[in-house]
C-alpha atoms as a PDB file:
ATOM      1  CA  MET A   1     117.106  76.336 111.660  1.00  0.00           C
ATOM      2  CA  THR A   2     118.311  78.016 114.816  1.00  0.00           C
ATOM      3  CA  LEU A   3     116.406  78.826 117.962  1.00  0.00           C
ATOM      4  CA  GLU A   4     117.245  82.455 117.308  1.00  0.00           C
ATOM      5  CA  ASN A   5     115.332  82.328 114.000  1.00  0.00           C
ATOM      6  CA  TYR A   6     112.456  80.482 115.653  1.00  0.00           C
ATOM      7  CA  PHE A   7     112.102  83.077 118.409  1.00  0.00           C
ATOM      8  CA  ALA A   8     112.616  85.959 115.973  1.00  0.00           C
ATOM      9  CA  ILE A   9     109.472  84.839 114.163  1.00  0.00           C
ATOM     10  CA  LEU A  10     107.506  84.314 117.391  1.00  0.00           C
ATOM     11  CA  ARG A  11     108.691  87.626 118.874  1.00  0.00           C
ATOM     12  CA  ASP A  12     105.621  89.498 117.609  1.00  0.00           C
ATOM     13  CA  GLY A  13     103.389  87.533 120.023  1.00  0.00           C
ATOM     14  CA  SER A  14     100.802  86.584 117.404  1.00  0.00           C
ATOM     15  CA  TRP A  15      99.662  83.080 116.482  1.00  0.00           C
ATOM     16  CA  HIS A  16     101.739  81.283 113.857  1.00  0.00           C
ATOM     17  CA  ASN A  17     100.524  78.328 111.813  1.00  0.00           C
ATOM     18  CA  MET A  18     102.865  75.364 112.197  1.00  0.00           C
ATOM     19  CA  ASN A  19     102.908  74.529 108.469  1.00  0.00           C
ATOM     20  CA  GLU A  20     103.894  78.089 107.531  1.00  0.00           C
ATOM     21  CA  LEU A  21     106.431  78.158 110.333  1.00  0.00           C
ATOM     22  CA  SER A  22     107.865  74.864 109.121  1.00  0.00           C
ATOM     23  CA  ASP A  23     108.330  76.308 105.629  1.00  0.00           C
ATOM     24  CA  ARG A  24     109.905  79.531 106.883  1.00  0.00           C
ATOM     25  CA  LEU A  25     112.362  77.698 109.106  1.00  0.00           C
ATOM     26  CA  SER A  26     113.035  74.800 106.714  1.00  0.00           C
ATOM     27  CA  MET A  27     112.271  72.407 109.534  1.00  0.00           C
ATOM     28  CA  PRO A  28     110.265  69.178 109.378  1.00  0.00           C
ATOM     29  CA  PRO A  29     106.773  69.737 110.850  1.00  0.00           C
ATOM     30  CA  ASN A  30     107.094  66.829 113.300  1.00  0.00           C
ATOM     31  CA  ARG A  31     110.297  68.304 114.845  1.00  0.00           C
ATOM     32  CA  LEU A  32     108.717  71.758 114.994  1.00  0.00           C
ATOM     33  CA  ILE A  33     105.641  70.343 116.749  1.00  0.00           C
ATOM     34  CA  GLU A  34     107.895  68.499 119.198  1.00  0.00           C
ATOM     35  CA  LEU A  35     109.794  71.711 119.983  1.00  0.00           C
ATOM     36  CA  SER A  36     106.565  73.672 120.290  1.00  0.00           C
ATOM     37  CA  ARG A  37     105.056  71.149 122.703  1.00  0.00           C
ATOM     38  CA  PHE A  38     108.205  71.279 124.817  1.00  0.00           C
ATOM     39  CA  LEU A  39     108.110  75.096 124.999  1.00  0.00           C
ATOM     40  CA  SER A  40     104.404  74.984 125.810  1.00  0.00           C
ATOM     41  CA  GLU A  41     104.900  72.446 128.608  1.00  0.00           C
ATOM     42  CA  HIS A  42     107.495  74.749 130.173  1.00  0.00           C
ATOM     43  CA  GLY A  43     105.392  77.898 129.886  1.00  0.00           C
ATOM     44  CA  LEU A  44     107.448  79.679 127.227  1.00  0.00           C
ATOM     45  CA  ALA A  45     104.884  79.403 124.461  1.00  0.00           C
ATOM     46  CA  LYS A  46     101.241  78.507 123.961  1.00  0.00           C
ATOM     47  CA  TYR A  47     100.772  75.600 121.561  1.00  0.00           C
ATOM     48  CA  ASP A  48      97.243  75.060 120.236  1.00  0.00           C
ATOM     49  CA  GLU A  49      97.130  71.450 118.975  1.00  0.00           C
ATOM     50  CA  LYS A  50      93.592  71.710 117.663  1.00  0.00           C
ATOM     51  CA  GLU A  51      94.412  74.697 115.419  1.00  0.00           C
ATOM     52  CA  ASN A  52      98.027  73.566 114.864  1.00  0.00           C
ATOM     53  CA  ARG A  53      99.478  76.948 115.809  1.00  0.00           C
ATOM     54  CA  ILE A  54     101.828  78.505 118.360  1.00  0.00           C
ATOM     55  CA  ARG A  55     102.549  81.867 119.916  1.00  0.00           C
ATOM     56  CA  LEU A  56     105.094  83.120 122.412  1.00  0.00           C
ATOM     57  CA  GLU A  57     103.797  83.814 125.917  1.00  0.00           C
ATOM     58  CA  PRO A  58     103.750  87.627 126.349  1.00  0.00           C
ATOM     59  CA  LYS A  59     105.874  87.602 129.520  1.00  0.00           C
ATOM     60  CA  TRP A  60     108.770  85.968 127.625  1.00  0.00           C
ATOM     61  CA  LYS A  61     108.648  88.433 124.744  1.00  0.00           C
ATOM     62  CA  LEU A  62     110.357  91.006 126.960  1.00  0.00           C
ATOM     63  CA  LEU A  63     113.409  88.769 127.344  1.00  0.00           C
ATOM     64  CA  LEU A  64     114.077  88.584 123.622  1.00  0.00           C
ATOM     65  CA  PRO A  65     116.352  91.248 122.155  1.00  0.00           C
ATOM     66  CA  GLU A  66     114.674  93.711 119.847  1.00  0.00           C
ATOM     67  CA  GLU A  67     116.157  94.113 116.425  1.00  0.00           C
ATOM     68  CA  GLU A  68     118.842  96.711 116.658  1.00  0.00           C
ATOM     69  CA  GLN A  69     117.919  99.977 115.068  1.00  0.00           C
ATOM     70  CA  PRO A  70     120.751 102.175 113.855  1.00  0.00           C
ATOM     71  CA  THR A  71     120.832 105.287 115.958  1.00  0.00           C
ATOM     72  CA  GLU A  72     122.399 108.621 115.309  1.00  0.00           C
ATOM     73  CA  PRO A  73     125.046 109.535 117.859  1.00  0.00           C
ATOM     74  CA  LYS A  74     123.838 112.153 120.268  1.00  0.00           C
ATOM     75  CA  THR A  75     125.630 115.463 120.220  1.00  0.00           C
ATOM     76  CA  ALA A  76     126.492 117.067 123.521  1.00  0.00           C
ATOM     77  CA  LEU A  77     127.647 120.614 123.944  1.00  0.00           C
ATOM     78  CA  ALA A  78     129.550 121.714 127.039  1.00  0.00           C
ATOM     79  CA  THR A  79     131.107 124.968 128.158  1.00  0.00           C
ATOM     80  CA  ILE A  80     133.801 124.806 130.822  1.00  0.00           C
ATOM     81  CA  ILE A  81     135.524 127.729 132.498  1.00  0.00           C
ATOM     82  CA  ILE A  82     139.045 126.873 133.609  1.00  0.00           C
ATOM     83  CA  PRO A  83     140.638 129.232 136.144  1.00  0.00           C
ATOM     84  CA  PRO A  84     144.286 130.290 135.665  1.00  0.00           C
ATOM     85  CA  ASP A  85     146.877 127.597 136.415  1.00  0.00           C
ATOM     86  CA  SER A  86     144.208 124.847 136.642  1.00  0.00           C
ATOM     87  CA  SER A  87     143.219 121.788 134.625  1.00  0.00           C
ATOM     88  CA  VAL A  88     140.172 119.669 133.856  1.00  0.00           C
ATOM     89  CA  ASP A  89     139.846 116.074 132.576  1.00  0.00           C
ATOM     90  CA  VAL A  90     137.378 115.388 129.778  1.00  0.00           C
ATOM     91  CA  GLN A  91     137.121 111.921 128.191  1.00  0.00           C
ATOM     92  CA  SER A  92     140.556 110.869 129.394  1.00  0.00           C
ATOM     93  CA  MET A  93     142.043 114.077 128.043  1.00  0.00           C
ATOM     94  CA  GLN A  94     143.499 116.721 130.313  1.00  0.00           C
ATOM     95  CA  ILE A  95     142.969 120.359 129.371  1.00  0.00           C
ATOM     96  CA  ARG A  96     145.301 122.729 131.223  1.00  0.00           C
ATOM     97  CA  ASN A  97     145.153 126.476 131.518  1.00  0.00           C
ATOM     98  CA  LEU A  98     148.753 127.645 131.786  1.00  0.00           C
ATOM     99  CA  SER A  99     147.819 131.272 131.223  1.00  0.00           C
ATOM    100  CA  GLY A 100     147.173 133.887 133.856  1.00  0.00           C
ATOM    101  CA  VAL A 101     143.542 134.434 132.778  1.00  0.00           C
ATOM    102  CA  GLU A 102     140.320 132.417 132.866  1.00  0.00           C
ATOM    103  CA  LEU A 103     139.662 130.319 129.777  1.00  0.00           C
ATOM    104  CA  GLU A 104     136.184 129.545 128.482  1.00  0.00           C
ATOM    105  CA  ILE A 105     136.211 126.279 126.561  1.00  0.00           C
ATOM    106  CA  THR A 106     133.308 124.981 124.508  1.00  0.00           C
ATOM    107  CA  LEU A 107     133.251 121.287 123.564  1.00  0.00           C
ATOM    108  CA  ARG A 108     131.065 119.482 121.031  1.00  0.00           C
ATOM    109  CA  LEU A 109     130.947 115.733 121.610  1.00  0.00           C
ATOM    110  CA  ASN A 110     129.605 112.974 119.346  1.00  0.00           C
ATOM    111  CA  GLY A 111     130.868 109.990 121.289  1.00  0.00           C
ATOM    112  CA  LYS A 112     134.283 111.657 121.249  1.00  0.00           C
ATOM    113  CA  ILE A 113     135.401 115.259 121.228  1.00  0.00           C
ATOM    114  CA  THR A 114     134.831 116.594 117.727  1.00  0.00           C
ATOM    115  CA  GLU A 115     135.259 120.293 118.321  1.00  0.00           C
ATOM    116  CA  LEU A 116     137.173 122.408 120.838  1.00  0.00           C
ATOM    117  CA  ALA A 117     136.853 126.188 121.015  1.00  0.00           C
ATOM    118  CA  ILE A 118     138.834 128.381 123.396  1.00  0.00           C
ATOM    119  CA  LYS A 119     137.806 131.912 124.303  1.00  0.00           C
ATOM    120  CA  ILE A 120     140.106 134.187 126.279  1.00  0.00           C
END
């Protein structure tokens, strides 16, 4: 049993029966009750001795990390016009226009440059 597992179960803010919690965490009920009393005394959780249940105080729920959800990388599209004999830095990459005409550059970025188009 780790505290991380304990708080992961309590994260939802609802009441949890100590016997069920003990089974889920593979922790002896007397140690779980001792921990729950301690957290209750310090204002982190609400321990109901009469009903033998515990819940996390709502204000502390915000401090616990949410389970990470996989996210799709965001795609950004940028168009840059580079005057003749000039340069621009994009993501630690320098793009130089060594020609005598303006260059229109379109970039597609998914965390890194994935596409570069040059229009003269």
